[in-house]
């Protein structure tokens, strides 16, 4: 059950500091899309630049950064699995 109704959570969201799990997943997806426009050598630098513009809790930044880098590290495997089942 979500506690998004809690007054502290509402206040944090209004200030842009709090992200729900869903919002974090969306942010990670959007960030992965943005990273596609840069060379692999620039990923770390680009990710740090993206975080400079985001107001997020440190634990959310750490979680998001780890997920983005983990997905990027396995992108060829992920693409291979998708290509096996994709039609068209």
N, C-alpha and C. Protein backbone atom coordinates (compact mmCIF):
# COMPACT_ATOMS: atom_id res chain seq x y z
N UNK A 1 0.84 -1.18 0.00
CA UNK A 1 0.00 0.00 0.00
C UNK A 1 0.89 1.25 0.00
N UNK A 2 0.56 2.16 -0.81
CA UNK A 2 1.35 3.38 -0.94
C UNK A 2 1.04 4.36 0.19
N UNK A 3 2.07 5.09 0.61
CA UNK A 3 1.86 6.13 1.61
C UNK A 3 2.03 7.51 0.98
N UNK A 4 1.74 7.62 -0.32
CA UNK A 4 1.88 8.89 -1.04
C UNK A 4 0.96 9.98 -0.49
N UNK A 5 0.00 9.63 0.32
CA UNK A 5 -0.93 10.59 0.89
C UNK A 5 -0.35 11.31 2.10
N UNK A 6 0.73 10.76 2.69
CA UNK A 6 1.30 11.32 3.92
C UNK A 6 1.72 12.77 3.68
N UNK A 7 1.41 13.69 4.60
CA UNK A 7 1.74 15.11 4.41
C UNK A 7 3.22 15.37 4.12
N UNK A 8 4.11 14.63 4.76
CA UNK A 8 5.54 14.82 4.51
C UNK A 8 5.90 14.42 3.08
N UNK A 9 5.33 13.32 2.61
CA UNK A 9 5.58 12.87 1.23
C UNK A 9 5.04 13.90 0.24
N UNK A 10 3.84 14.41 0.50
CA UNK A 10 3.25 15.42 -0.38
C UNK A 10 4.14 16.66 -0.44
N UNK A 11 4.64 17.11 0.71
CA UNK A 11 5.51 18.29 0.76
C UNK A 11 6.82 18.02 0.00
N UNK A 12 7.39 16.84 0.18
CA UNK A 12 8.64 16.50 -0.51
C UNK A 12 8.42 16.45 -2.02
N UNK A 13 7.29 15.90 -2.44
CA UNK A 13 7.01 15.83 -3.87
C UNK A 13 6.86 17.22 -4.46
N UNK A 14 6.20 18.11 -3.74
CA UNK A 14 6.02 19.48 -4.23
C UNK A 14 7.36 20.17 -4.42
N UNK A 15 8.32 19.84 -3.57
CA UNK A 15 9.65 20.44 -3.68
C UNK A 15 10.53 19.68 -4.67
N UNK A 16 10.06 18.55 -5.16
CA UNK A 16 10.80 17.80 -6.17
C UNK A 16 11.86 16.87 -5.60
N UNK A 17 11.83 16.60 -4.32
CA UNK A 17 12.87 15.77 -3.72
C UNK A 17 12.50 14.29 -3.68
N UNK A 18 11.25 13.98 -3.68
CA UNK A 18 10.81 12.61 -3.48
C UNK A 18 10.31 12.03 -4.79
N UNK A 19 10.73 10.79 -5.07
CA UNK A 19 10.23 10.09 -6.25
C UNK A 19 9.69 8.75 -5.79
N UNK A 20 8.50 8.41 -6.28
CA UNK A 20 7.95 7.09 -6.01
C UNK A 20 8.73 6.08 -6.86
N UNK A 21 8.51 4.81 -6.61
CA UNK A 21 9.19 3.78 -7.40
C UNK A 21 8.82 3.92 -8.87
N UNK A 22 7.56 4.21 -9.14
CA UNK A 22 7.10 4.38 -10.52
C UNK A 22 7.81 5.56 -11.17
N UNK A 23 7.91 6.66 -10.44
CA UNK A 23 8.59 7.85 -10.97
C UNK A 23 10.07 7.57 -11.21
N UNK A 24 10.69 6.79 -10.34
CA UNK A 24 12.09 6.42 -10.53
C UNK A 24 12.25 5.56 -11.78
N UNK A 25 11.35 4.60 -11.97
CA UNK A 25 11.42 3.76 -13.18
C UNK A 25 11.27 4.60 -14.44
N UNK A 26 10.34 5.54 -14.42
CA UNK A 26 10.16 6.42 -15.57
C UNK A 26 11.41 7.26 -15.80
N UNK A 27 11.98 7.79 -14.73
CA UNK A 27 13.19 8.60 -14.84
C UNK A 27 14.33 7.78 -15.43
N UNK A 28 14.47 6.53 -14.97
CA UNK A 28 15.52 5.65 -15.48
C UNK A 28 15.31 5.40 -16.98
N UNK A 29 14.08 5.12 -17.38
CA UNK A 29 13.78 4.89 -18.79
C UNK A 29 14.12 6.12 -19.63
N UNK A 30 13.70 7.28 -19.18
CA UNK A 30 13.98 8.52 -19.90
C UNK A 30 15.48 8.79 -19.97
N UNK A 31 16.18 8.50 -18.91
CA UNK A 31 17.62 8.71 -18.88
C UNK A 31 18.32 7.76 -19.85
N UNK A 32 17.89 6.51 -19.89
CA UNK A 32 18.46 5.56 -20.85
C UNK A 32 18.25 6.04 -22.28
N UNK A 33 17.08 6.58 -22.54
CA UNK A 33 16.81 7.13 -23.88
C UNK A 33 17.77 8.27 -24.18
N UNK A 34 17.97 9.16 -23.23
CA UNK A 34 18.88 10.30 -23.42
C UNK A 34 20.31 9.83 -23.65
N UNK A 35 20.70 8.77 -22.98
CA UNK A 35 22.08 8.29 -23.07
C UNK A 35 22.39 7.73 -24.45
N UNK A 36 21.36 7.28 -25.16
CA UNK A 36 21.55 6.73 -26.50
C UNK A 36 22.18 7.73 -27.47
N UNK A 37 22.10 9.00 -27.16
CA UNK A 37 22.61 10.03 -28.04
C UNK A 37 24.07 10.39 -27.76
N UNK A 38 24.72 9.62 -26.89
CA UNK A 38 26.11 9.90 -26.52
C UNK A 38 26.95 8.65 -26.69
N UNK A 39 28.25 8.85 -26.85
CA UNK A 39 29.18 7.73 -26.94
C UNK A 39 29.27 7.04 -25.59
N UNK A 40 29.54 5.73 -25.63
CA UNK A 40 29.64 4.96 -24.39
C UNK A 40 30.68 5.53 -23.43
N UNK A 41 31.74 6.09 -23.99
CA UNK A 41 32.79 6.65 -23.15
C UNK A 41 32.30 7.85 -22.34
N UNK A 42 31.24 8.46 -22.79
CA UNK A 42 30.71 9.67 -22.14
C UNK A 42 29.58 9.37 -21.15
N UNK A 43 29.16 8.13 -21.02
CA UNK A 43 27.99 7.80 -20.21
C UNK A 43 28.10 8.29 -18.77
N UNK A 44 29.21 8.00 -18.12
CA UNK A 44 29.37 8.41 -16.72
C UNK A 44 29.27 9.93 -16.59
N UNK A 45 29.98 10.63 -17.46
CA UNK A 45 29.97 12.10 -17.42
C UNK A 45 28.56 12.64 -17.68
N UNK A 46 27.89 12.09 -18.67
CA UNK A 46 26.54 12.54 -19.00
C UNK A 46 25.58 12.27 -17.85
N UNK A 47 25.73 11.12 -17.22
CA UNK A 47 24.87 10.78 -16.09
C UNK A 47 25.07 11.75 -14.94
N UNK A 48 26.30 12.11 -14.68
CA UNK A 48 26.58 13.09 -13.62
C UNK A 48 25.98 14.45 -13.98
N UNK A 49 26.07 14.84 -15.25
CA UNK A 49 25.49 16.12 -15.67
C UNK A 49 23.96 16.10 -15.52
N UNK A 50 23.35 14.96 -15.82
CA UNK A 50 21.90 14.84 -15.66
C UNK A 50 21.53 14.99 -14.18
N UNK A 51 22.30 14.37 -13.31
CA UNK A 51 22.01 14.45 -11.87
C UNK A 51 22.18 15.86 -11.32
N UNK A 52 23.05 16.64 -11.92
CA UNK A 52 23.24 18.02 -11.47
C UNK A 52 21.97 18.85 -11.64
N UNK A 53 21.15 18.49 -12.61
CA UNK A 53 19.93 19.26 -12.87
C UNK A 53 18.71 18.69 -12.14
N UNK A 54 18.87 17.55 -11.51
CA UNK A 54 17.75 16.90 -10.82
C UNK A 54 17.83 17.13 -9.32
N UNK A 55 16.70 17.42 -8.71
CA UNK A 55 16.63 17.50 -7.26
C UNK A 55 16.05 16.18 -6.77
N UNK A 56 16.95 15.30 -6.35
CA UNK A 56 16.56 13.97 -5.89
C UNK A 56 17.27 13.67 -4.59
N UNK A 57 16.67 12.79 -3.82
CA UNK A 57 17.35 12.31 -2.62
C UNK A 57 18.59 11.54 -3.04
N UNK A 58 19.60 11.55 -2.21
CA UNK A 58 20.84 10.84 -2.55
C UNK A 58 20.59 9.36 -2.76
N UNK A 59 19.73 8.76 -1.96
CA UNK A 59 19.46 7.33 -2.11
C UNK A 59 18.76 7.05 -3.45
N UNK A 60 17.93 7.98 -3.91
CA UNK A 60 17.29 7.82 -5.22
C UNK A 60 18.32 7.97 -6.34
N UNK A 61 19.24 8.92 -6.18
CA UNK A 61 20.30 9.09 -7.18
C UNK A 61 21.16 7.83 -7.27
N UNK A 62 21.54 7.30 -6.13
CA UNK A 62 22.37 6.10 -6.11
C UNK A 62 21.64 4.93 -6.77
N UNK A 63 20.38 4.74 -6.40
CA UNK A 63 19.58 3.66 -6.98
C UNK A 63 19.46 3.83 -8.49
N UNK A 64 19.10 5.04 -8.94
CA UNK A 64 18.91 5.29 -10.36
C UNK A 64 20.21 5.13 -11.13
N UNK A 65 21.29 5.66 -10.60
CA UNK A 65 22.59 5.54 -11.28
C UNK A 65 22.99 4.08 -11.42
N UNK A 66 22.84 3.31 -10.36
CA UNK A 66 23.19 1.89 -10.42
C UNK A 66 22.36 1.14 -11.44
N UNK A 67 21.06 1.44 -11.50
CA UNK A 67 20.18 0.79 -12.47
C UNK A 67 20.55 1.16 -13.90
N UNK A 68 20.77 2.45 -14.14
CA UNK A 68 21.12 2.90 -15.49
C UNK A 68 22.42 2.24 -15.94
N UNK A 69 23.44 2.27 -15.10
CA UNK A 69 24.73 1.68 -15.47
C UNK A 69 24.65 0.17 -15.64
N UNK A 70 23.83 -0.49 -14.82
CA UNK A 70 23.66 -1.94 -14.94
C UNK A 70 22.96 -2.29 -16.25
N UNK A 71 21.95 -1.55 -16.61
CA UNK A 71 21.25 -1.79 -17.87
C UNK A 71 22.18 -1.53 -19.05
N UNK A 72 22.93 -0.44 -18.99
CA UNK A 72 23.87 -0.12 -20.08
C UNK A 72 24.92 -1.23 -20.22
N UNK A 73 25.38 -1.77 -19.09
CA UNK A 73 26.39 -2.83 -19.12
C UNK A 73 25.86 -4.10 -19.78
N UNK A 74 24.56 -4.30 -19.74
CA UNK A 74 23.96 -5.52 -20.29
C UNK A 74 23.09 -5.26 -21.52
N UNK A 75 23.26 -4.10 -22.12
CA UNK A 75 22.37 -3.71 -23.22
C UNK A 75 22.43 -4.66 -24.41
N UNK A 76 23.59 -5.19 -24.72
CA UNK A 76 23.70 -6.10 -25.85
C UNK A 76 22.93 -7.39 -25.58
N UNK A 77 23.01 -7.90 -24.35
CA UNK A 77 22.25 -9.10 -23.98
C UNK A 77 20.75 -8.83 -24.02
N UNK A 78 20.35 -7.67 -23.52
CA UNK A 78 18.94 -7.29 -23.51
C UNK A 78 18.42 -7.17 -24.94
N UNK A 79 19.19 -6.50 -25.80
CA UNK A 79 18.80 -6.36 -27.21
C UNK A 79 18.69 -7.71 -27.89
N UNK A 80 19.60 -8.65 -27.58
CA UNK A 80 19.56 -9.98 -28.20
C UNK A 80 18.29 -10.72 -27.82
N UNK A 81 17.90 -10.64 -26.55
CA UNK A 81 16.68 -11.31 -26.09
C UNK A 81 15.46 -10.69 -26.77
N UNK A 82 15.42 -9.37 -26.85
CA UNK A 82 14.30 -8.68 -27.49
C UNK A 82 14.23 -9.07 -28.97
N UNK A 83 15.38 -9.10 -29.64
CA UNK A 83 15.40 -9.43 -31.06
C UNK A 83 14.93 -10.85 -31.33
N UNK A 84 15.14 -11.77 -30.39
CA UNK A 84 14.69 -13.14 -30.55
C UNK A 84 13.17 -13.25 -30.59
N UNK A 85 12.50 -12.40 -29.82
CA UNK A 85 11.05 -12.53 -29.71
C UNK A 85 10.28 -11.45 -30.46
N UNK A 86 10.97 -10.42 -30.91
CA UNK A 86 10.31 -9.32 -31.61
C UNK A 86 9.88 -9.76 -33.00
N UNK A 87 8.73 -9.30 -33.40
CA UNK A 87 8.23 -9.61 -34.73
C UNK A 87 8.18 -8.32 -35.55
N UNK A 88 8.53 -8.46 -36.82
CA UNK A 88 8.40 -7.31 -37.71
C UNK A 88 9.64 -6.62 -38.01
